[in-house]
């Protein structure tokens, strides 16, 4: 305690009988006769000026205080140095029983005099003697304890709610960033595609079309507009399909054959569907028609990406509305492969900037799980986004899926497993145990909230009843998410794969 504080407070021993009259006007001693207090002969009388510090957090020695005149306040010192008021004591009231009754030997709070005050303080031994010899005083002290604990519990619940709301708000901002950025990028690319479409359409419109040509283009247009994506393919299947189509287009004299083939494969076009255009159009018109089709397909995919991003934002907003309630949305089936592919599409621009290849091995059979809402997309977004951040330029990310069937003793309910692997610098061994903690991040200030992996862990374990494991070393970091499969899905699963 500082010298300035000592000047504001004086302590002197006093015979208890000398303050008997004042004691009789306090709540704990209102019905206590002095004969019952013979075991306590001398106590400390404290005179404190306004602002005087009676106790500081961590200070050795705990006392029971009785306010004869004045007012005192107890504050909790927060981590940032701010103060939160725990309670006040007016003339005739006692305080300090809680630390004594729970066995504390050091002060828990900052206690100050609000205005000039006169107090008595009892040592721990005197306090326990008081409780043993004075039933009336004991009732008041225990009643005060009960009231303070009730107040503290209410405050703790309120603080926990505020912390949860703060975490939710920070998490919402974190989650809104990815779909918002994806929608903005897609809109920018869509503008370029519309200009390209206009140029190709004007060029095509200058040449009359035969009925066969019109019917062919109509069929291709219907295919392009019917869906956002074809069923997800593994990396090997997709690469083979793209190369085969690109070679066929190049042999037919199509300009930009290897550029437009991936977009056509992504939405499910095959050579058989394009043969009509090759048959009914001359070489130049066929090339223009296929480039027009690719620009249209790309535009449809970009619109779908914008729709998915806006849908993600809407789902997050709905999650906030349901924060205090159970998730009662209808159960639906979700294809995990399609969910992964959608996330890769939304993050495609970021992957292309760093020229990161995504190697997919979709071998889970079946790949369908039961789910409510779309929280699973948040899991893939965070994990793949983190993998992209960790990967070097021109690196590679592997995304594998497989199923692990249930065992006979019921310890394993059957899992649909998804692993996401990057080849970045890895996670340091001392950091690894903390990566799922809220607000913990190793990214530079302003680059990460420390909430992404905490959100992933919470969704996987609490919403889906699954589990998530991570192992990391320099050059290889792998997250494995296991989601439970029930019923026939579990029984039909393939054997576990070594990972």
Protein backbone atom coordinates (compact mmCIF):
# COMPACT_ATOMS: atom_id res chain seq x y z
CA UNK A 1 0.00 0.00 0.00
CA UNK A 2 1.47 3.39 -0.99
CA UNK A 3 2.44 6.13 1.47
CA UNK A 4 -0.23 8.39 -0.02
CA UNK A 5 -2.87 5.78 0.69
CA UNK A 6 -1.64 5.35 4.26
CA UNK A 7 -2.14 9.08 4.89
CA UNK A 8 -5.77 8.66 3.84
CA UNK A 9 -6.37 5.81 6.31
CA UNK A 10 -5.52 5.31 9.98
CA UNK A 11 -5.79 2.07 11.95
CA UNK A 12 -5.90 1.86 15.76
CA UNK A 13 -6.81 -0.95 18.17
CA UNK A 14 -9.92 -0.32 20.24
CA UNK A 15 -11.76 -2.20 23.00
CA UNK A 16 -14.89 -3.76 21.61
CA UNK A 17 -16.94 -2.51 24.56
CA UNK A 18 -15.99 1.08 23.67
CA UNK A 19 -17.86 0.77 20.36
CA UNK A 20 -20.74 -1.31 21.74
CA UNK A 21 -23.25 1.48 21.13
CA UNK A 22 -22.30 1.79 17.45
CA UNK A 23 -22.28 -2.00 17.06
CA UNK A 24 -25.87 -2.22 18.19
CA UNK A 25 -26.90 -0.09 15.19
CA UNK A 26 -25.39 -2.46 12.62
CA UNK A 27 -27.22 -5.38 10.96
CA UNK A 28 -24.93 -8.19 12.17
CA UNK A 29 -24.89 -7.03 15.81
CA UNK A 30 -28.38 -5.54 16.15
CA UNK A 31 -29.61 -8.51 18.27
CA UNK A 32 -26.28 -9.56 19.81
CA UNK A 33 -25.55 -8.93 23.51
CA UNK A 34 -22.08 -7.85 24.47
CA UNK A 35 -21.83 -10.83 26.81
CA UNK A 36 -21.74 -13.07 23.75
CA UNK A 37 -18.69 -11.20 22.46
CA UNK A 38 -16.43 -11.73 25.47
CA UNK A 39 -14.05 -13.83 23.33
CA UNK A 40 -13.30 -10.73 21.26
CA UNK A 41 -11.82 -7.94 23.37
CA UNK A 42 -9.89 -5.77 20.91
CA UNK A 43 -10.56 -4.97 17.23
CA UNK A 44 -9.09 -2.52 14.72
CA UNK A 45 -10.92 0.75 14.17
CA UNK A 46 -10.23 2.24 10.73
CA UNK A 47 -10.74 5.86 9.75
CA UNK A 48 -10.65 6.23 5.97
CA UNK A 49 -10.85 9.36 3.87
CA UNK A 50 -12.75 9.32 0.58
CA UNK A 51 -10.61 7.48 -2.00
CA UNK A 52 -8.59 5.56 0.56
CA UNK A 53 -7.71 1.99 -0.50
CA UNK A 54 -8.71 -0.53 2.16
CA UNK A 55 -7.54 -3.61 0.24
CA UNK A 56 -5.90 -4.41 -3.10
CA UNK A 57 -6.11 -7.60 -5.23
CA UNK A 58 -3.51 -10.12 -4.08
CA UNK A 59 -2.81 -8.30 -0.83
CA UNK A 60 -2.04 -10.72 2.01
CA UNK A 61 -4.51 -10.80 4.87
CA UNK A 62 -8.28 -11.05 4.64
CA UNK A 63 -10.63 -9.23 7.03
CA UNK A 64 -14.31 -9.01 7.82
CA UNK A 65 -15.31 -5.33 7.69
CA UNK A 66 -18.13 -3.52 9.43
CA UNK A 67 -19.08 -0.03 8.23
CA UNK A 68 -19.97 2.14 11.24
CA UNK A 69 -20.37 5.26 9.15
CA UNK A 70 -19.80 6.09 5.48
CA UNK A 71 -19.71 3.95 2.34
CA UNK A 72 -17.23 1.55 0.71
CA UNK A 73 -17.04 -0.10 -2.71
CA UNK A 74 -15.44 -3.32 -3.98
CA UNK A 75 -14.23 -3.45 -7.62
CA UNK A 76 -12.80 -6.26 -9.72
CA UNK A 77 -9.72 -5.23 -11.70
CA UNK A 78 -10.11 -6.53 -15.27
CA UNK A 79 -7.27 -7.72 -17.51
CA UNK A 80 -7.23 -4.42 -19.38
CA UNK A 81 -6.96 -2.42 -16.14
CA UNK A 82 -10.59 -1.30 -16.07
CA UNK A 83 -12.75 -1.73 -12.96
CA UNK A 84 -16.05 -3.60 -12.61
CA UNK A 85 -18.01 -2.85 -9.44
CA UNK A 86 -18.77 -5.97 -7.42
CA UNK A 87 -20.78 -4.30 -4.65
CA UNK A 88 -21.05 -1.51 -2.08
CA UNK A 89 -21.53 -1.41 1.69
CA UNK A 90 -23.37 1.42 3.48
CA UNK A 91 -23.42 2.44 7.16
CA UNK A 92 -24.45 -0.49 9.35
CA UNK A 93 -23.51 -3.18 6.80
CA UNK A 94 -20.71 -5.74 6.82
CA UNK A 95 -18.63 -7.11 3.94
CA UNK A 96 -15.65 -9.39 3.32
CA UNK A 97 -17.28 -12.62 4.52
CA UNK A 98 -17.11 -14.33 1.11
CA UNK A 99 -13.29 -14.64 0.82
CA UNK A 100 -13.10 -15.86 4.44
CA UNK A 101 -15.82 -18.46 4.00
CA UNK A 102 -14.29 -19.87 0.80
CA UNK A 103 -10.80 -20.06 2.33
CA UNK A 104 -9.03 -17.22 0.56
CA UNK A 105 -5.87 -15.85 2.22
CA UNK A 106 -5.40 -12.89 -0.14
CA UNK A 107 -7.71 -10.05 -1.07
CA UNK A 108 -9.77 -10.67 -4.23
CA UNK A 109 -10.94 -7.13 -4.99
CA UNK A 110 -9.94 -3.48 -4.84
CA UNK A 111 -11.83 -2.02 -1.84
CA UNK A 112 -11.99 1.77 -1.48
CA UNK A 113 -13.85 4.29 0.65
CA UNK A 114 -16.42 6.12 -1.46
CA UNK A 115 -16.67 8.88 1.15
CA UNK A 116 -15.15 9.52 4.59
CA UNK A 117 -15.85 6.36 6.55
CA UNK A 118 -15.36 4.74 9.95
CA UNK A 119 -15.04 0.95 10.04
CA UNK A 120 -14.18 -1.96 12.28
CA UNK A 121 -12.18 -4.86 10.89
CA UNK A 122 -12.04 -8.38 12.30
CA UNK A 123 -9.20 -10.80 11.63
CA UNK A 124 -9.93 -14.27 10.28
CA UNK A 125 -9.71 -15.80 13.78
CA UNK A 126 -12.03 -13.15 15.21
CA UNK A 127 -14.49 -13.71 12.35
CA UNK A 128 -14.67 -17.46 12.97
CA UNK A 129 -15.04 -16.80 16.71
CA UNK A 130 -17.90 -14.43 15.94
CA UNK A 131 -19.70 -17.06 13.86
CA UNK A 132 -19.29 -19.71 16.56
CA UNK A 133 -20.44 -17.62 19.53
CA UNK A 134 -23.19 -15.46 17.98
CA UNK A 135 -26.00 -17.29 16.15
CA UNK A 136 -27.76 -14.00 15.41
CA UNK A 137 -24.67 -12.53 13.75
CA UNK A 138 -24.05 -15.81 11.93
CA UNK A 139 -27.53 -15.66 10.35
CA UNK A 140 -26.90 -12.15 9.02
CA UNK A 141 -23.44 -13.02 7.69
CA UNK A 142 -24.70 -16.14 5.89
CA UNK A 143 -27.67 -14.22 4.50
CA UNK A 144 -25.25 -11.61 3.15
CA UNK A 145 -23.14 -14.38 1.64
CA UNK A 146 -26.18 -15.88 -0.09
CA UNK A 147 -27.23 -12.51 -1.49
CA UNK A 148 -23.74 -11.75 -2.80
CA UNK A 149 -23.38 -15.17 -4.42
CA UNK A 150 -26.77 -14.74 -6.11
CA UNK A 151 -25.75 -11.31 -7.40
CA UNK A 152 -22.40 -12.66 -8.58
CA UNK A 153 -24.07 -15.57 -10.38
CA UNK A 154 -26.46 -13.21 -12.17
CA UNK A 155 -23.56 -10.97 -13.17
CA UNK A 156 -21.49 -13.96 -14.32
CA UNK A 157 -24.33 -15.20 -16.54
CA UNK A 158 -24.71 -11.71 -17.98
CA UNK A 159 -20.99 -11.45 -18.65
CA UNK A 160 -20.96 -14.89 -20.27
CA UNK A 161 -23.81 -13.82 -22.55
CA UNK A 162 -21.90 -10.69 -23.53
CA UNK A 163 -18.77 -12.74 -24.23
CA UNK A 164 -20.81 -15.15 -26.37
CA UNK A 165 -22.41 -12.28 -28.26
CA UNK A 166 -19.00 -10.71 -28.77
CA UNK A 167 -17.61 -14.00 -30.06
CA UNK A 168 -20.63 -14.41 -32.33
CA UNK A 169 -20.27 -10.89 -33.72
CA UNK A 170 -16.54 -11.34 -34.36
CA UNK A 171 -17.19 -14.73 -35.94
CA UNK A 172 -19.93 -13.27 -38.12
CA UNK A 173 -17.57 -10.60 -39.44
CA UNK A 174 -14.96 -13.28 -40.10
CA UNK A 175 -17.43 -15.48 -41.97
CA UNK A 176 -18.95 -12.64 -44.01
CA UNK A 177 -15.56 -11.75 -45.45
CA UNK A 178 -15.16 -14.82 -47.69
CA UNK A 179 -18.59 -14.85 -49.40
CA UNK A 180 -18.54 -11.05 -49.67
CA UNK A 181 -15.15 -11.08 -51.39
CA UNK A 182 -16.19 -13.98 -53.64
CA UNK A 183 -19.35 -12.17 -54.75
CA UNK A 184 -17.39 -9.00 -55.50
CA UNK A 185 -14.80 -10.89 -57.57
CA UNK A 186 -17.49 -12.83 -59.46
CA UNK A 187 -19.36 -9.63 -60.27
CA UNK A 188 -16.18 -8.08 -61.67
CA UNK A 189 -15.47 -11.14 -63.84
CA UNK A 190 -19.11 -11.24 -64.94
CA UNK A 191 -18.79 -7.71 -66.32
CA UNK A 192 -15.86 -8.83 -68.50
CA UNK A 193 -17.82 -11.88 -69.68
CA UNK A 194 -20.84 -9.76 -70.68
CA UNK A 195 -18.62 -7.58 -72.89
CA UNK A 196 -17.17 -10.72 -74.49
CA UNK A 197 -20.65 -12.17 -75.00
CA UNK A 198 -21.84 -8.96 -76.64
CA UNK A 199 -18.94 -8.97 -79.11
CA UNK A 200 -19.43 -12.65 -80.02
CA UNK A 201 -23.22 -12.26 -80.28
CA UNK A 202 -22.90 -9.29 -82.65
CA UNK A 203 -20.42 -11.26 -84.77
CA UNK A 204 -22.76 -14.27 -84.86
CA UNK A 205 -25.87 -12.19 -85.58
CA UNK A 206 -24.34 -10.92 -88.83
CA UNK A 207 -24.65 -14.42 -90.32
CA UNK A 208 -28.10 -15.99 -90.95
CA UNK A 209 -28.73 -19.29 -89.15
CA UNK A 210 -30.28 -22.44 -90.57
CA UNK A 211 -33.00 -24.28 -88.58
CA UNK A 212 -30.49 -27.02 -87.69
CA UNK A 213 -28.01 -24.44 -86.41
CA UNK A 214 -30.71 -22.71 -84.34
CA UNK A 215 -31.89 -26.01 -82.84
CA UNK A 216 -28.31 -27.00 -81.97
CA UNK A 217 -27.64 -23.68 -80.25
CA UNK A 218 -30.98 -23.91 -78.43
CA UNK A 219 -30.08 -27.35 -77.04
CA UNK A 220 -26.65 -26.16 -75.92
CA UNK A 221 -28.21 -23.08 -74.32
CA UNK A 222 -30.71 -25.19 -72.38
CA UNK A 223 -27.88 -27.36 -71.01
CA UNK A 224 -25.84 -24.30 -70.05
CA UNK A 225 -28.74 -22.75 -68.14
CA UNK A 226 -30.11 -25.81 -66.34
CA UNK A 227 -27.65 -26.01 -63.44
CA UNK A 228 -24.65 -24.35 -61.83
CA UNK A 229 -22.36 -27.37 -61.64
CA UNK A 230 -22.16 -30.92 -62.87
CA UNK A 231 -21.61 -33.66 -60.26
CA UNK A 232 -18.21 -33.21 -58.66
CA UNK A 233 -15.33 -35.15 -60.25
CA UNK A 234 -12.06 -36.20 -58.71
CA UNK A 235 -9.00 -34.27 -59.86
CA UNK A 236 -7.86 -37.10 -62.11
CA UNK A 237 -11.29 -37.55 -63.72
CA UNK A 238 -11.64 -33.82 -64.25
CA UNK A 239 -8.15 -33.44 -65.72
CA UNK A 240 -8.75 -36.33 -68.14
CA UNK A 241 -12.09 -34.92 -69.24
CA UNK A 242 -10.66 -31.42 -69.76
CA UNK A 243 -7.70 -32.67 -71.76
CA UNK A 244 -9.83 -34.93 -73.98
CA UNK A 245 -12.29 -32.13 -74.74
CA UNK A 246 -9.53 -29.56 -75.32
CA UNK A 247 -7.75 -31.85 -77.83
CA UNK A 248 -11.03 -32.50 -79.66
CA UNK A 249 -11.79 -28.74 -79.82
CA UNK A 250 -8.27 -27.93 -81.00
CA UNK A 251 -8.49 -30.56 -83.77
CA UNK A 252 -11.73 -28.87 -84.85
CA UNK A 253 -9.96 -25.51 -85.14
CA UNK A 254 -11.57 -23.90 -82.09
CA UNK A 255 -9.75 -20.82 -80.84
CA UNK A 256 -8.69 -20.92 -77.14
CA UNK A 257 -9.50 -24.65 -76.99
CA UNK A 258 -7.48 -25.35 -73.83
CA UNK A 259 -8.88 -22.21 -72.16
CA UNK A 260 -12.56 -22.91 -72.72
CA UNK A 261 -12.49 -26.69 -72.13
CA UNK A 262 -12.36 -26.50 -68.28
CA UNK A 263 -15.46 -24.28 -68.13
CA UNK A 264 -17.42 -26.61 -70.41
CA UNK A 265 -16.39 -29.70 -68.41
CA UNK A 266 -17.25 -28.00 -65.12
CA UNK A 267 -20.86 -27.62 -66.17
CA UNK A 268 -21.05 -31.13 -67.65
CA UNK A 269 -20.58 -30.73 -71.42
CA UNK A 270 -19.22 -33.72 -73.35
CA UNK A 271 -18.12 -34.09 -76.97
CA UNK A 272 -21.36 -35.84 -78.01
CA UNK A 273 -23.40 -32.75 -77.12
CA UNK A 274 -21.05 -30.48 -79.09
CA UNK A 275 -21.00 -32.59 -82.26
CA UNK A 276 -24.10 -30.87 -83.62
CA UNK A 277 -22.29 -27.53 -83.64
CA UNK A 278 -19.30 -29.05 -85.44
CA UNK A 279 -21.60 -30.68 -87.98
CA UNK A 280 -23.82 -27.68 -88.76
CA UNK A 281 -21.29 -24.81 -88.55
CA UNK A 282 -18.24 -24.04 -90.66
CA UNK A 283 -14.88 -23.98 -88.87
CA UNK A 284 -14.89 -20.23 -88.15
CA UNK A 285 -18.52 -20.17 -87.01
CA UNK A 286 -17.95 -23.31 -84.92
CA UNK A 287 -15.06 -21.61 -83.10
CA UNK A 288 -17.15 -18.49 -82.46
CA UNK A 289 -20.09 -20.60 -81.29
CA UNK A 290 -17.97 -22.55 -78.79
CA UNK A 291 -16.31 -19.40 -77.45
CA UNK A 292 -19.77 -17.84 -77.09
CA UNK A 293 -20.95 -20.96 -75.28
CA UNK A 294 -17.94 -20.86 -72.94
CA UNK A 295 -18.55 -17.19 -72.11
CA UNK A 296 -22.18 -18.02 -71.38
CA UNK A 297 -21.27 -21.05 -69.25
CA UNK A 298 -18.68 -19.02 -67.36
CA UNK A 299 -21.25 -16.28 -66.75
CA UNK A 300 -23.76 -18.81 -65.43
CA UNK A 301 -21.09 -20.19 -63.07
CA UNK A 302 -20.28 -16.67 -61.86
CA UNK A 303 -23.97 -15.94 -61.24
CA UNK A 304 -24.18 -19.22 -59.31
CA UNK A 305 -21.13 -18.19 -57.29
CA UNK A 306 -22.80 -14.89 -56.45
CA UNK A 307 -26.01 -16.72 -55.49
CA UNK A 308 -24.05 -19.11 -53.25
CA UNK A 309 -22.21 -16.21 -51.61
CA UNK A 310 -25.41 -14.28 -50.96
CA UNK A 311 -27.05 -17.45 -49.68
CA UNK A 312 -24.12 -17.92 -47.30
CA UNK A 313 -24.59 -14.36 -46.02
CA UNK A 314 -28.33 -15.00 -45.55
CA UNK A 315 -27.63 -18.24 -43.69
CA UNK A 316 -25.22 -16.43 -41.38
CA UNK A 317 -27.79 -13.71 -40.70
CA UNK A 318 -30.38 -16.39 -39.91
CA UNK A 319 -27.88 -18.08 -37.58
CA UNK A 320 -27.64 -14.85 -35.59
CA UNK A 321 -31.44 -14.71 -35.25
CA UNK A 322 -31.42 -18.29 -33.99
CA UNK A 323 -28.52 -17.71 -31.58
CA UNK A 324 -30.61 -18.22 -28.45
CA UNK A 325 -32.67 -21.13 -29.83
CA UNK A 326 -32.16 -24.73 -30.91
CA UNK A 327 -31.66 -25.25 -34.62
CA UNK A 328 -35.09 -26.55 -35.65
CA UNK A 329 -34.67 -26.27 -39.41
CA UNK A 330 -35.70 -29.42 -41.32
CA UNK A 331 -33.20 -32.23 -41.67
CA UNK A 332 -31.93 -32.58 -45.23
CA UNK A 333 -29.44 -34.69 -47.15
CA UNK A 334 -26.17 -33.08 -48.21
CA UNK A 335 -23.60 -34.42 -50.63
CA UNK A 336 -20.25 -33.62 -49.02
CA UNK A 337 -18.50 -33.79 -52.40
CA UNK A 338 -20.79 -31.10 -53.83
CA UNK A 339 -20.30 -29.02 -50.68
CA UNK A 340 -16.52 -29.24 -51.06
CA UNK A 341 -16.68 -28.42 -54.76
CA UNK A 342 -18.82 -25.33 -54.12
CA UNK A 343 -16.31 -24.08 -51.57
CA UNK A 344 -13.41 -24.64 -53.99
CA UNK A 345 -15.35 -22.67 -56.60
CA UNK A 346 -15.99 -19.76 -54.23
CA UNK A 347 -12.29 -19.65 -53.28
CA UNK A 348 -11.16 -20.27 -56.87
CA UNK A 349 -9.94 -16.73 -57.47
CA UNK A 350 -7.65 -16.82 -54.42
CA UNK A 351 -6.29 -20.20 -55.52
CA UNK A 352 -5.65 -18.93 -59.05
CA UNK A 353 -3.78 -15.83 -57.84
CA UNK A 354 -1.21 -18.03 -56.04
CA UNK A 355 -1.43 -20.69 -58.81
CA UNK A 356 -2.31 -23.33 -56.23
CA UNK A 357 -3.42 -26.69 -57.64
CA UNK A 358 -6.17 -28.58 -55.83
CA UNK A 359 -5.83 -32.36 -56.02
CA UNK A 360 -9.15 -34.06 -55.22
CA UNK A 361 -9.67 -37.73 -54.42
CA UNK A 362 -13.37 -38.12 -53.74
CA UNK A 363 -13.63 -41.76 -52.68
CA UNK A 364 -16.27 -41.60 -49.92
CA UNK A 365 -19.10 -44.02 -50.68
CA UNK A 366 -21.73 -42.91 -49.86
CA UNK A 367 -20.94 -39.19 -49.67
CA UNK A 368 -24.37 -38.16 -48.30
CA UNK A 369 -24.94 -37.07 -44.69
CA UNK A 370 -27.92 -35.71 -42.79
CA UNK A 371 -27.64 -32.05 -41.82
CA UNK A 372 -29.53 -28.93 -40.79
CA UNK A 373 -28.62 -25.61 -42.39
CA UNK A 374 -25.35 -25.06 -44.23
CA UNK A 375 -22.84 -24.77 -41.40
CA UNK A 376 -20.65 -27.42 -43.01
CA UNK A 377 -19.67 -25.00 -45.76
CA UNK A 378 -18.14 -22.80 -43.05
CA UNK A 379 -15.88 -25.71 -42.09
CA UNK A 380 -14.59 -26.23 -45.64
CA UNK A 381 -14.23 -22.49 -46.25
CA UNK A 382 -12.06 -21.98 -43.19
CA UNK A 383 -9.89 -25.07 -43.70
CA UNK A 384 -9.31 -24.56 -47.43
CA UNK A 385 -8.76 -20.81 -46.98
CA UNK A 386 -6.18 -21.48 -44.27
CA UNK A 387 -4.50 -24.09 -46.47
CA UNK A 388 -4.32 -21.55 -49.31
CA UNK A 389 -2.77 -18.97 -46.97
CA UNK A 390 -0.17 -21.48 -45.77
CA UNK A 391 0.70 -22.83 -49.22
CA UNK A 392 3.58 -21.36 -51.23
CA UNK A 393 2.97 -19.94 -54.69
CA UNK A 394 2.44 -22.71 -57.27
CA UNK A 395 1.87 -25.13 -54.40
CA UNK A 396 -0.70 -27.88 -54.05
CA UNK A 397 -3.58 -28.69 -51.71
CA UNK A 398 -4.95 -32.24 -51.45
CA UNK A 399 -8.58 -32.88 -50.54
CA UNK A 400 -9.40 -36.56 -49.91
CA UNK A 401 -12.63 -38.22 -48.78
CA UNK A 402 -13.26 -41.80 -47.63
CA UNK A 403 -15.63 -43.71 -45.37
CA UNK A 404 -14.87 -45.71 -42.24
CA UNK A 405 -17.58 -48.29 -41.44
CA UNK A 406 -19.05 -48.81 -37.98
CA UNK A 407 -17.58 -51.56 -35.82
CA UNK A 408 -19.52 -54.20 -33.94
CA UNK A 409 -19.08 -52.86 -30.41
CA UNK A 410 -20.57 -49.47 -31.28
CA UNK A 411 -17.47 -47.46 -30.34
CA UNK A 412 -17.21 -46.28 -33.96
CA UNK A 413 -20.57 -45.14 -35.40
CA UNK A 414 -19.18 -45.03 -38.93
CA UNK A 415 -17.50 -41.92 -40.30
CA UNK A 416 -17.39 -39.93 -43.50
CA UNK A 417 -13.85 -38.54 -43.41
CA UNK A 418 -12.48 -35.48 -45.21
CA UNK A 419 -8.79 -34.56 -45.13
CA UNK A 420 -7.35 -31.23 -46.30
CA UNK A 421 -3.57 -31.15 -46.67
CA UNK A 422 -1.21 -28.29 -47.51
CA UNK A 423 2.57 -28.17 -47.91
CA UNK A 424 3.34 -24.90 -46.18
CA UNK A 425 5.74 -24.26 -43.30
CA UNK A 426 3.61 -26.22 -40.83
CA UNK A 427 2.31 -25.39 -37.36
CA UNK A 428 4.92 -25.12 -34.59
CA UNK A 429 4.67 -27.85 -31.95
CA UNK A 430 4.14 -25.32 -29.13
CA UNK A 431 1.27 -23.70 -31.04
CA UNK A 432 -0.53 -26.89 -32.14
CA UNK A 433 -2.39 -27.54 -28.82
CA UNK A 434 -3.94 -24.03 -28.94
CA UNK A 435 -5.10 -23.74 -32.56
CA UNK A 436 -8.78 -24.37 -31.70
CA UNK A 437 -8.86 -21.69 -28.98
CA UNK A 438 -11.01 -18.62 -29.67
CA UNK A 439 -9.07 -15.48 -30.63
CA UNK A 440 -5.75 -17.36 -30.85
CA UNK A 441 -3.93 -16.64 -34.10
CA UNK A 442 -0.36 -16.66 -35.37
CA UNK A 443 -1.20 -14.39 -38.32
CA UNK A 444 0.00 -10.76 -38.31
CA UNK A 445 -2.27 -8.18 -36.68
CA UNK A 446 -5.14 -7.36 -39.01
CA UNK A 447 -4.74 -10.58 -41.01
CA UNK A 448 -6.64 -12.98 -38.77
CA UNK A 449 -9.23 -12.94 -36.01
CA UNK A 450 -8.22 -16.22 -34.38
CA UNK A 451 -11.80 -17.47 -34.78
CA UNK A 452 -11.70 -19.59 -37.94
CA UNK A 453 -10.51 -22.85 -36.41
CA UNK A 454 -12.53 -22.30 -33.23
CA UNK A 455 -15.65 -22.06 -35.43
CA UNK A 456 -14.59 -25.20 -37.33
CA UNK A 457 -14.10 -27.17 -34.11
CA UNK A 458 -17.41 -26.01 -32.64
CA UNK A 459 -19.42 -26.88 -35.78
CA UNK A 460 -17.80 -30.31 -36.28
CA UNK A 461 -17.99 -31.44 -32.65
CA UNK A 462 -21.16 -29.75 -31.37
CA UNK A 463 -23.40 -29.44 -34.43
CA UNK A 464 -22.50 -32.70 -36.15
CA UNK A 465 -21.17 -34.80 -33.28
CA UNK A 466 -17.99 -35.40 -35.25
CA UNK A 467 -14.32 -34.94 -34.51
CA UNK A 468 -11.39 -33.13 -36.03
CA UNK A 469 -7.70 -34.06 -35.86
CA UNK A 470 -4.61 -32.27 -37.06
CA UNK A 471 -1.01 -33.30 -37.54
CA UNK A 472 1.67 -30.98 -38.80
CA UNK A 473 5.33 -30.86 -39.65
CA UNK A 474 7.28 -28.55 -41.94
CA UNK A 475 6.04 -29.14 -45.47
CA UNK A 476 2.93 -31.12 -44.51
CA UNK A 477 -0.12 -30.10 -42.48
CA UNK A 478 -3.24 -32.24 -42.54
CA UNK A 479 -6.66 -31.60 -40.98
CA UNK A 480 -9.00 -34.61 -40.88
CA UNK A 481 -12.71 -34.04 -40.24
CA UNK A 482 -14.83 -37.09 -39.40
CA UNK A 483 -18.62 -36.78 -39.59
CA UNK A 484 -20.84 -39.56 -38.25
CA UNK A 485 -22.85 -41.65 -40.68
CA UNK A 486 -25.99 -43.44 -39.50
CA UNK A 487 -28.12 -46.32 -40.72
CA UNK A 488 -27.49 -47.84 -44.14
CA UNK A 489 -24.90 -45.25 -45.02
CA UNK A 490 -22.60 -46.53 -42.32
CA UNK A 491 -23.08 -50.16 -43.26
CA UNK A 492 -22.31 -49.56 -46.93
CA UNK A 493 -19.09 -47.62 -46.28
CA UNK A 494 -15.75 -48.68 -47.59
CA UNK A 495 -12.89 -49.73 -45.41
CA UNK A 496 -10.71 -47.17 -43.63
CA UNK A 497 -7.75 -45.72 -45.46
CA UNK A 498 -4.37 -45.17 -43.90
CA UNK A 499 -3.69 -41.49 -43.50
